[in-house]
C-alpha atoms as a PDB file:
ATOM      1  CA  MET A   1     128.774  46.066  90.069  1.00  0.00           C
ATOM      2  CA  LEU A   2     128.364  42.762  88.810  1.00  0.00           C
ATOM      3  CA  SER A   3     128.042  43.459  85.116  1.00  0.00           C
ATOM      4  CA  ASN A   4     131.616  45.320  85.366  1.00  0.00           C
ATOM      5  CA  MET A   5     133.237  42.658  87.659  1.00  0.00           C
ATOM      6  CA  ALA A   6     131.713  39.996  84.456  1.00  0.00           C
ATOM      7  CA  CYS A   7     133.151  42.176  81.730  1.00  0.00           C
ATOM      8  CA  SER A   8     136.440  42.311  83.456  1.00  0.00           C
ATOM      9  CA  LEU A   9     136.418  38.576  84.002  1.00  0.00           C
ATOM     10  CA  ILE A  10     135.754  38.192  80.295  1.00  0.00           C
ATOM     11  CA  GLU A  11     138.871  40.905  79.316  1.00  0.00           C
ATOM     12  CA  HIS A  12     141.056  39.694  81.489  1.00  0.00           C
ATOM     13  CA  LYS A  13     140.028  35.437  81.935  1.00  0.00           C
ATOM     14  CA  ARG A  14     140.967  36.161  85.572  1.00  0.00           C
ATOM     15  CA  ILE A  15     140.462  39.129  88.641  1.00  0.00           C
ATOM     16  CA  ASN A  16     141.067  39.076  92.296  1.00  0.00           C
ATOM     17  CA  THR A  17     138.258  39.699  94.322  1.00  0.00           C
ATOM     18  CA  THR A  18     136.218  38.953  97.731  1.00  0.00           C
ATOM     19  CA  VAL A  19     134.904  35.118  98.184  1.00  0.00           C
ATOM     20  CA  ALA A  20     131.033  36.581  98.536  1.00  0.00           C
ATOM     21  CA  LYS A  21     131.728  38.619  95.692  1.00  0.00           C
ATOM     22  CA  ALA A  22     133.210  35.721  93.306  1.00  0.00           C
ATOM     23  CA  LYS A  23     130.326  33.553  94.928  1.00  0.00           C
ATOM     24  CA  ALA A  24     127.822  36.269  93.416  1.00  0.00           C
ATOM     25  CA  LEU A  25     129.461  36.808  90.140  1.00  0.00           C
ATOM     26  CA  ARG A  26     128.887  33.336  89.350  1.00  0.00           C
ATOM     27  CA  VAL A  27     125.685  32.699  89.441  1.00  0.00           C
ATOM     28  CA  TYR A  28     125.666  36.044  87.289  1.00  0.00           C
ATOM     29  CA  ILE A  29     127.750  35.140  84.691  1.00  0.00           C
ATOM     30  CA  GLU A  30     127.613  31.850  83.891  1.00  0.00           C
ATOM     31  CA  PRO A  31     124.065  31.821  82.254  1.00  0.00           C
ATOM     32  CA  ILE A  32     125.759  34.216  80.324  1.00  0.00           C
ATOM     33  CA  ILE A  33     128.287  32.034  78.957  1.00  0.00           C
ATOM     34  CA  THR A  34     125.775  29.489  78.433  1.00  0.00           C
ATOM     35  CA  ARG A  35     123.927  32.141  76.085  1.00  0.00           C
ATOM     36  CA  SER A  36     126.688  32.283  74.133  1.00  0.00           C
ATOM     37  CA  LYS A  37     126.833  29.308  72.600  1.00  0.00           C
ATOM     38  CA  ASP A  38     124.618  30.348  70.730  1.00  0.00           C
ATOM     39  CA  ASP A  39     125.708  32.827  68.658  1.00  0.00           C
ATOM     40  CA  SER A  40     122.062  34.736  67.019  1.00  0.00           C
ATOM     41  CA  THR A  41     121.360  37.968  67.008  1.00  0.00           C
ATOM     42  CA  HIS A  42     118.907  37.979  69.971  1.00  0.00           C
ATOM     43  CA  SER A  43     121.502  36.160  72.181  1.00  0.00           C
ATOM     44  CA  ARG A  44     123.892  38.797  71.574  1.00  0.00           C
ATOM     45  CA  ARG A  45     121.364  41.516  72.719  1.00  0.00           C
ATOM     46  CA  MET A  46     120.201  39.528  75.402  1.00  0.00           C
ATOM     47  CA  VAL A  47     124.390  39.580  76.698  1.00  0.00           C
ATOM     48  CA  PHE A  48     124.607  43.024  75.978  1.00  0.00           C
ATOM     49  CA  ARG A  49     121.998  43.715  77.857  1.00  0.00           C
ATOM     50  CA  LEU A  50     123.455  42.207  81.187  1.00  0.00           C
ATOM     51  CA  LEU A  51     127.152  43.214  80.496  1.00  0.00           C
ATOM     52  CA  LYS A  52     126.559  46.854  78.696  1.00  0.00           C
ATOM     53  CA  SER A  53     129.566  46.802  77.187  1.00  0.00           C
ATOM     54  CA  LYS A  54     130.126  45.972  73.087  1.00  0.00           C
ATOM     55  CA  LEU A  55     134.304  45.001  73.895  1.00  0.00           C
ATOM     56  CA  ALA A  56     133.408  42.161  76.212  1.00  0.00           C
ATOM     57  CA  THR A  57     130.286  41.213  74.611  1.00  0.00           C
ATOM     58  CA  ALA A  58     132.503  40.407  70.992  1.00  0.00           C
ATOM     59  CA  GLU A  59     135.146  38.537  73.036  1.00  0.00           C
ATOM     60  CA  LEU A  60     132.605  36.439  74.508  1.00  0.00           C
ATOM     61  CA  PHE A  61     131.472  35.225  71.499  1.00  0.00           C
ATOM     62  CA  ARG A  62     134.543  35.661  69.332  1.00  0.00           C
ATOM     63  CA  ASP A  63     136.711  34.002  72.115  1.00  0.00           C
ATOM     64  CA  ILE A  64     134.959  32.400  74.878  1.00  0.00           C
ATOM     65  CA  ALA A  65     131.977  30.497  73.306  1.00  0.00           C
ATOM     66  CA  PRO A  66     134.053  28.421  70.840  1.00  0.00           C
ATOM     67  CA  ALA A  67     136.248  27.751  73.652  1.00  0.00           C
ATOM     68  CA  VAL A  68     133.548  26.569  76.049  1.00  0.00           C
ATOM     69  CA  ALA A  69     131.553  25.115  73.626  1.00  0.00           C
ATOM     70  CA  ASP A  70     131.854  21.015  74.832  1.00  0.00           C
ATOM     71  CA  ARG A  71     131.593  21.588  78.531  1.00  0.00           C
ATOM     72  CA  PRO A  72     127.855  21.868  79.914  1.00  0.00           C
ATOM     73  CA  GLY A  73     128.819  24.041  82.804  1.00  0.00           C
ATOM     74  CA  GLY A  74     130.881  25.184  85.360  1.00  0.00           C
ATOM     75  CA  TYR A  75     132.650  28.094  83.739  1.00  0.00           C
ATOM     76  CA  THR A  76     134.384  29.408  86.376  1.00  0.00           C
ATOM     77  CA  ARG A  77     136.833  28.739  89.391  1.00  0.00           C
ATOM     78  CA  ILE A  78     137.378  30.436  92.182  1.00  0.00           C
ATOM     79  CA  ILE A  79     140.961  29.984  94.270  1.00  0.00           C
ATOM     80  CA  ARG A  80     140.879  31.099  97.725  1.00  0.00           C
ATOM     81  CA  THR A  81     144.576  32.715  98.474  1.00  0.00           C
ATOM     82  CA  GLU A  82     144.353  35.247 101.871  1.00  0.00           C
ATOM     83  CA  TYR A  83     142.791  37.441 104.148  1.00  0.00           C
ATOM     84  CA  ARG A  84     143.398  41.117 103.007  1.00  0.00           C
ATOM     85  CA  LEU A  85     145.796  43.455 105.072  1.00  0.00           C
ATOM     86  CA  GLY A  86     142.857  46.269 105.778  1.00  0.00           C
ATOM     87  CA  ASP A  87     139.687  44.451 106.894  1.00  0.00           C
ATOM     88  CA  ASN A  88     140.498  40.609 106.889  1.00  0.00           C
ATOM     89  CA  ALA A  89     137.851  39.807 103.630  1.00  0.00           C
ATOM     90  CA  GLU A  90     138.538  36.371 102.766  1.00  0.00           C
ATOM     91  CA  MET A  91     140.268  36.944  99.239  1.00  0.00           C
ATOM     92  CA  CYS A  92     139.877  34.773  96.144  1.00  0.00           C
ATOM     93  CA  LEU A  93     141.690  34.306  92.620  1.00  0.00           C
ATOM     94  CA  MET A  94     138.370  34.055  90.112  1.00  0.00           C
ATOM     95  CA  GLU A  95     138.895  32.635  86.835  1.00  0.00           C
ATOM     96  CA  LEU A  96     137.693  31.127  83.431  1.00  0.00           C
ATOM     97  CA  VAL A  97     138.074  27.013  83.184  1.00  0.00           C
ATOM     98  CA  ASP A  98     138.936  26.733  80.031  1.00  0.00           C
ATOM     99  CA  PHE A  99     141.487  29.649  79.711  1.00  0.00           C
ATOM    100  CA  ASN A 100     144.118  28.487  82.300  1.00  0.00           C
ATOM    101  CA  GLU A 101     147.416  27.303  80.154  1.00  0.00           C
ATOM    102  CA  LEU A 102     149.097  25.876  82.807  1.00  0.00           C
ATOM    103  CA  LEU A 103     146.651  23.432  83.904  1.00  0.00           C
ATOM    104  CA  LYS A 104     145.760  22.445  80.033  1.00  0.00           C
ATOM    105  CA  GLU A 105     149.710  21.945  79.436  1.00  0.00           C
ATOM    106  CA  ASP A 106     149.204  19.677  82.482  1.00  0.00           C
ATOM    107  CA  LYS A 107     146.413  17.480  81.147  1.00  0.00           C
ATOM    108  CA  GLY A 108     147.370  17.109  77.868  1.00  0.00           C
ATOM    109  CA  ALA A 109     150.487  15.468  79.599  1.00  0.00           C
ATOM    110  CA  ALA A 110     148.734  13.206  81.359  1.00  0.00           C
ATOM    111  CA  LYS A 111     146.627  11.945  78.320  1.00  0.00           C
ATOM    112  CA  LYS A 112     149.883  11.297  76.205  1.00  0.00           C
ATOM    113  CA  GLY A 113     151.224   9.169  79.596  1.00  0.00           C
ATOM    114  CA  ARG A 114     148.014   6.580  79.421  1.00  0.00           C
ATOM    115  CA  SER A 115     148.217   3.429  78.530  1.00  0.00           C
ATOM    116  CA  ARG A 116     145.728   0.549  77.673  1.00  0.00           C
ATOM    117  CA  ARG A 117     146.693  -2.786  79.600  1.00  0.00           C
ATOM    118  CA  SER A 118     146.546  -5.897  77.106  1.00  0.00           C
ATOM    119  CA  SER A 119     147.136  -9.500  78.109  1.00  0.00           C
ATOM    120  CA  LYS A 120     149.451  -9.966  74.727  1.00  0.00           C
ATOM    121  CA  PRO A 121     152.859  -8.577  74.187  1.00  0.00           C
ATOM    122  CA  SER A 122     153.331  -5.602  71.803  1.00  0.00           C
ATOM    123  CA  ALA A 123     156.239  -4.222  70.662  1.00  0.00           C
ATOM    124  CA  LYS A 124     156.238  -1.756  73.003  1.00  0.00           C
ATOM    125  CA  THR A 125     156.689  -4.486  76.235  1.00  0.00           C
ATOM    126  CA  THR A 126     159.481  -6.473  73.911  1.00  0.00           C
ATOM    127  CA  THR A 127     161.616  -2.850  73.529  1.00  0.00           C
ATOM    128  CA  THR A 128     161.343  -2.586  77.173  1.00  0.00           C
ATOM    129  CA  ASP A 129     162.458  -5.714  78.280  1.00  0.00           C
ATOM    130  CA  THR A 130     165.123  -5.488  75.927  1.00  0.00           C
ATOM    131  CA  THR A 131     166.157  -2.220  77.646  1.00  0.00           C
ATOM    132  CA  ALA A 132     165.426  -3.746  80.968  1.00  0.00           C
ATOM    133  CA  LYS A 133     168.163  -6.761  80.081  1.00  0.00           C
ATOM    134  CA  LYS A 134     170.284  -4.060  78.509  1.00  0.00           C
ATOM    135  CA  GLU A 135     170.320  -1.989  82.486  1.00  0.00           C
ATOM    136  CA  LYS A 136     171.163  -5.383  83.969  1.00  0.00           C
ATOM    137  CA  THR A 137     173.763  -5.787  81.776  1.00  0.00           C
ATOM    138  CA  GLU A 138     175.136  -2.124  82.990  1.00  0.00           C
ATOM    139  CA  ALA A 139     174.358  -2.729  86.429  1.00  0.00           C
ATOM    140  CA  LYS A 140     177.275  -5.412  86.429  1.00  0.00           C
ATOM    141  CA  PRO A 141     179.902  -3.001  85.931  1.00  0.00           C
ATOM    142  CA  VAL A 142     179.206  -0.916  88.241  1.00  0.00           C
ATOM    143  CA  ALA A 143     178.907  -3.314  90.682  1.00  0.00           C
ATOM    144  CA  GLU A 144     182.355  -4.276  89.899  1.00  0.00           C
ATOM    145  CA  ALA A 145     183.249  -1.027  90.358  1.00  0.00           C
ATOM    146  CA  LEU A 146     181.433  -0.799  93.715  1.00  0.00           C
ATOM    147  CA  VAL A 147     183.671  -3.743  94.718  1.00  0.00           C
ATOM    148  CA  ALA A 148     186.957  -2.035  93.168  1.00  0.00           C
ATOM    149  CA  PRO A 149     187.537  -0.306  96.468  1.00  0.00           C
ATOM    150  CA  GLU A 150     188.710  -3.789  97.897  1.00  0.00           C
ATOM    151  CA  ALA A 151     190.574  -4.545  95.012  1.00  0.00           C
ATOM    152  CA  GLU A 152     193.141  -1.393  95.467  1.00  0.00           C
ATOM    153  CA  ALA A 153     193.106  -2.288  99.347  1.00  0.00           C
ATOM    154  CA  THR A 154     194.624  -5.297  98.296  1.00  0.00           C
ATOM    155  CA  VAL A 155     196.989  -3.280  95.837  1.00  0.00           C
ATOM    156  CA  ALA A 156     197.984  -1.139  97.965  1.00  0.00           C
ATOM    157  CA  PRO A 157     200.228  -2.523 100.069  1.00  0.00           C
ATOM    158  CA  GLU A 158     202.516  -3.969  96.963  1.00  0.00           C
ATOM    159  CA  VAL A 159     202.257  -0.120  95.639  1.00  0.00           C
ATOM    160  CA  GLU A 160     203.976   0.510  99.250  1.00  0.00           C
ATOM    161  CA  ALA A 161     206.394  -2.301  98.704  1.00  0.00           C
ATOM    162  CA  VAL A 162     207.347  -0.839  95.558  1.00  0.00           C
ATOM    163  CA  VAL A 163     207.969   2.520  97.007  1.00  0.00           C
ATOM    164  CA  ALA A 164     209.537   1.504 100.199  1.00  0.00           C
ATOM    165  CA  PRO A 165     212.873  -0.012  99.170  1.00  0.00           C
ATOM    166  CA  GLU A 166     213.455   3.947  98.404  1.00  0.00           C
ATOM    167  CA  ALA A 167     212.606   4.768 101.484  1.00  0.00           C
ATOM    168  CA  GLU A 168     214.856   1.523 103.203  1.00  0.00           C
ATOM    169  CA  VAL A 169     217.767   2.746 101.223  1.00  0.00           C
ATOM    170  CA  GLU A 170     217.676   6.659 102.803  1.00  0.00           C
ATOM    171  CA  GLU A 171     217.123   4.857 105.974  1.00  0.00           C
ATOM    172  CA  SER A 172     219.663   2.284 105.610  1.00  0.00           C
ATOM    173  CA  LYS A 173     222.663   4.600 105.447  1.00  0.00           C
ATOM    174  CA  THR A 174     224.409   3.981 108.681  1.00  0.00           C
ATOM    175  CA  PRO A 175     225.395   7.164 110.696  1.00  0.00           C
ATOM    176  CA  GLU A 176     229.163   6.601 109.653  1.00  0.00           C
ATOM    177  CA  ALA A 177     227.877   6.983 106.091  1.00  0.00           C
ATOM    178  CA  LYS A 178     226.202   9.783 107.086  1.00  0.00           C
ATOM    179  CA  LYS A 179     229.854  11.387 108.750  1.00  0.00           C
ATOM    180  CA  GLU A 180     231.756  10.169 105.251  1.00  0.00           C
ATOM    181  CA  GLU A 181     229.277  12.477 103.176  1.00  0.00           C
ATOM    182  CA  THR A 182     229.805  15.210 106.286  1.00  0.00           C
ATOM    183  CA  PRO A 183     233.624  15.476 106.425  1.00  0.00           C
ATOM    184  CA  GLU A 184     233.476  15.926 102.396  1.00  0.00           C
ATOM    185  CA  LYS A 185     231.939  18.768 103.373  1.00  0.00           C
ATOM    186  CA  GLU A 186     233.826  19.895 105.975  1.00  0.00           C
ATOM    187  CA  ALA A 187     237.264  19.141 104.050  1.00  0.00           C
ATOM    188  CA  PRO A 188     236.658  21.865 101.252  1.00  0.00           C
ATOM    189  CA  LYS A 189     235.437  24.191 103.868  1.00  0.00           C
ATOM    190  CA  GLU A 190     238.911  23.183 105.663  1.00  0.00           C
ATOM    191  CA  LYS A 191     240.929  23.615 102.666  1.00  0.00           C
ATOM    192  CA  ASP A 192     239.520  27.371 101.923  1.00  0.00           C
ATOM    193  CA  GLN A 193     240.210  28.161 105.884  1.00  0.00           C
ATOM    194  CA  ASP A 194     244.057  27.128 104.911  1.00  0.00           C
ATOM    195  CA  LYS A 195     244.155  29.224 102.137  1.00  0.00           C
ATOM    196  CA  LYS A 196     242.790  32.681 104.153  1.00  0.00           C
ATOM    197  CA  GLU A 197     245.515  31.399 107.026  1.00  0.00           C
ATOM    198  CA  SER A 198     248.349  31.667 104.346  1.00  0.00           C
END
């Protein structure tokens, strides 16, 4: 069982299994990976004796051994996931450490972001200072924009004053003026009625 699980781990780089099996597999496969760092006929024969698979042995020496050449041990990682539905066994994901692409990208990004402190100002600090000054100058118009609603509130009565005279003109019409308009409308009706009567 351990040799089959070791072959699956080598071929797929990660497997789902129970925690107990994963711990037993770790003890079984770590010495095999350590032996694969020395690519000799004797090492290949010893690894093949434990794995019993030509494909897994070839992939171990071709792909995995160069990737773990600088690692002194700890080639596998066990990540506990959940409990199995049938028998409530504790499940885990066992994977080879150097073949997790997501963690490799995170480490690469972390290495790029590192910087050293120095007492002398460098070109980077001067550029950051100038950008900080630009941001401060750009912040002033933003602050003015925030103050602008108050200015609009002061302008609003003037706008109302400009609009208000038109409203006042309509309201200033006296009832007499309104009556004068209505008789003109009624006058043509009366003429029409006179024509109908005659």
